[in-house]
C-alpha atoms as a PDB file:
ATOM      1  CA  MET A   1      -0.642   1.030  21.498  1.00  0.00           C
ATOM      2  CA  ASN A   2       1.065  -0.594  18.532  1.00  0.00           C
ATOM      3  CA  ILE A   3       3.805   1.314  16.701  1.00  0.00           C
ATOM      4  CA  ILE A   4       3.195   1.591  12.946  1.00  0.00           C
ATOM      5  CA  PHE A   5       6.073   0.340  10.822  1.00  0.00           C
ATOM      6  CA  HIS A   6       4.587   0.915   7.344  1.00  0.00           C
ATOM      7  CA  ALA A   7       2.051   3.286   5.801  1.00  0.00           C
ATOM      8  CA  ALA A   8       1.058   3.487   2.136  1.00  0.00           C
ATOM      9  CA  LYS A   9      -1.504   5.328   0.055  1.00  0.00           C
ATOM     10  CA  SER A  10      -4.550   3.382  -0.969  1.00  0.00           C
ATOM     11  CA  PHE A  11      -7.505   4.288  -3.153  1.00  0.00           C
ATOM     12  CA  ASN A  12      -9.714   4.939  -0.118  1.00  0.00           C
ATOM     13  CA  GLY A  13      -7.159   6.109   2.420  1.00  0.00           C
ATOM     14  CA  ILE A  14      -3.933   5.044   4.077  1.00  0.00           C
ATOM     15  CA  GLN A  15      -3.101   1.396   4.744  1.00  0.00           C
ATOM     16  CA  VAL A  16      -1.004   1.028   7.895  1.00  0.00           C
ATOM     17  CA  SER A  17       0.841  -2.030   9.177  1.00  0.00           C
ATOM     18  CA  PHE A  18       1.805  -2.701  12.777  1.00  0.00           C
ATOM     19  CA  LEU A  19       2.659  -5.581  15.064  1.00  0.00           C
ATOM     20  CA  SER A  20       0.079  -6.898  17.490  1.00  0.00           C
ATOM     21  CA  GLY A  21       1.833  -9.499  19.595  1.00  0.00           C
ATOM     22  CA  ASN A  22       3.621 -11.730  17.086  1.00  0.00           C
ATOM     23  CA  ASP A  23       1.194 -10.959  14.249  1.00  0.00           C
ATOM     24  CA  THR A  24       1.456  -8.300  11.570  1.00  0.00           C
ATOM     25  CA  VAL A  25      -1.830  -6.426  11.277  1.00  0.00           C
ATOM     26  CA  SER A  26      -2.866  -4.158   8.423  1.00  0.00           C
ATOM     27  CA  GLU A  27      -5.683  -1.659   8.709  1.00  0.00           C
ATOM     28  CA  LEU A  28      -7.123   0.926   6.335  1.00  0.00           C
ATOM     29  CA  PHE A  29      -7.882   4.420   7.629  1.00  0.00           C
ATOM     30  CA  SER A  30      -9.903   6.722   5.377  1.00  0.00           C
ATOM     31  CA  TYR A  31      -8.587  10.191   4.582  1.00  0.00           C
ATOM     32  CA  GLU A  32     -11.668  11.646   6.279  1.00  0.00           C
ATOM     33  CA  ASN A  33     -10.968   9.731   9.504  1.00  0.00           C
ATOM     34  CA  LEU A  34      -7.300  10.759   9.444  1.00  0.00           C
ATOM     35  CA  ILE A  35      -8.294  14.418   9.084  1.00  0.00           C
ATOM     36  CA  ASP A  36     -10.732  14.031  11.987  1.00  0.00           C
ATOM     37  CA  MET A  37      -7.868  12.547  14.050  1.00  0.00           C
ATOM     38  CA  LYS A  38      -5.698  15.540  13.038  1.00  0.00           C
ATOM     39  CA  ILE A  39      -3.103  13.253  11.434  1.00  0.00           C
ATOM     40  CA  ASN A  40      -0.751  14.763   8.852  1.00  0.00           C
ATOM     41  CA  VAL A  41      -1.070  12.190   6.060  1.00  0.00           C
ATOM     42  CA  SER A  42       2.204  13.028   4.303  1.00  0.00           C
ATOM     43  CA  ASN A  43       4.100  12.832   7.599  1.00  0.00           C
ATOM     44  CA  LEU A  44       2.438   9.499   8.382  1.00  0.00           C
ATOM     45  CA  ILE A  45       3.615   8.103   5.045  1.00  0.00           C
ATOM     46  CA  GLU A  46       7.152   9.508   5.382  1.00  0.00           C
ATOM     47  CA  HIS A  47       7.598   8.630   9.074  1.00  0.00           C
ATOM     48  CA  PRO A  48       5.175   5.873  10.080  1.00  0.00           C
ATOM     49  CA  GLU A  49       7.359   5.055  13.105  1.00  0.00           C
ATOM     50  CA  TYR A  50       6.269   8.389  14.654  1.00  0.00           C
ATOM     51  CA  TYR A  51       2.713   7.024  14.967  1.00  0.00           C
ATOM     52  CA  ALA A  52       0.897   4.233  16.754  1.00  0.00           C
ATOM     53  CA  VAL A  53      -2.513   2.589  16.527  1.00  0.00           C
ATOM     54  CA  ASP A  54      -4.649   2.667  19.639  1.00  0.00           C
ATOM     55  CA  MET A  55      -6.971  -0.298  19.200  1.00  0.00           C
ATOM     56  CA  ASN A  56      -9.530   1.180  21.619  1.00  0.00           C
ATOM     57  CA  GLY A  57     -10.682   3.367  18.702  1.00  0.00           C
ATOM     58  CA  PRO A  58      -9.091   2.226  16.574  1.00  0.00           C
ATOM     59  CA  VAL A  59      -7.327   5.544  16.148  1.00  0.00           C
ATOM     60  CA  ILE A  60      -3.891   6.670  15.077  1.00  0.00           C
ATOM     61  CA  VAL A  61      -1.952   8.833  17.518  1.00  0.00           C
ATOM     62  CA  ARG A  62       1.408  10.572  17.375  1.00  0.00           C
ATOM     63  CA  SER A  63       3.758   8.519  19.563  1.00  0.00           C
ATOM     64  CA  ASP A  64       7.258   9.940  19.066  1.00  0.00           C
ATOM     65  CA  PHE A  65       7.040  12.716  21.641  1.00  0.00           C
ATOM     66  CA  CYS A  66       9.478  12.332  24.510  1.00  0.00           C
ATOM     67  CA  LYS A  67      11.264   9.415  22.878  1.00  0.00           C
ATOM     68  CA  PRO A  68      14.763  10.870  22.508  1.00  0.00           C
ATOM     69  CA  GLU A  69      15.794   8.292  19.937  1.00  0.00           C
ATOM     70  CA  MET A  70      12.947   9.406  17.656  1.00  0.00           C
ATOM     71  CA  HIS A  71      12.293  13.050  18.469  1.00  0.00           C
ATOM     72  CA  GLU A  72      15.304  15.359  18.303  1.00  0.00           C
ATOM     73  CA  GLU A  73      13.672  18.170  20.321  1.00  0.00           C
ATOM     74  CA  CYS A  74      13.390  15.954  23.417  1.00  0.00           C
ATOM     75  CA  ARG A  75      17.190  15.743  23.612  1.00  0.00           C
ATOM     76  CA  GLN A  76      17.501  19.408  24.616  1.00  0.00           C
END
């Protein structure tokens, strides 16, 4: 999985950027697809680092769980 470092609104959906090896990749995900993936769009835009792209789909998944540096609740 590739951690997303930028997400921005687009006319047709959300444009996300992530690193794949040494290359920066940008991919558009439609609002409909994001809803099907159960992704909170506003949270994705505000905190793109909480999400990753799984290129087997490609799908976006929440990736911050159990990463203490990113998810405060895991520190308890």
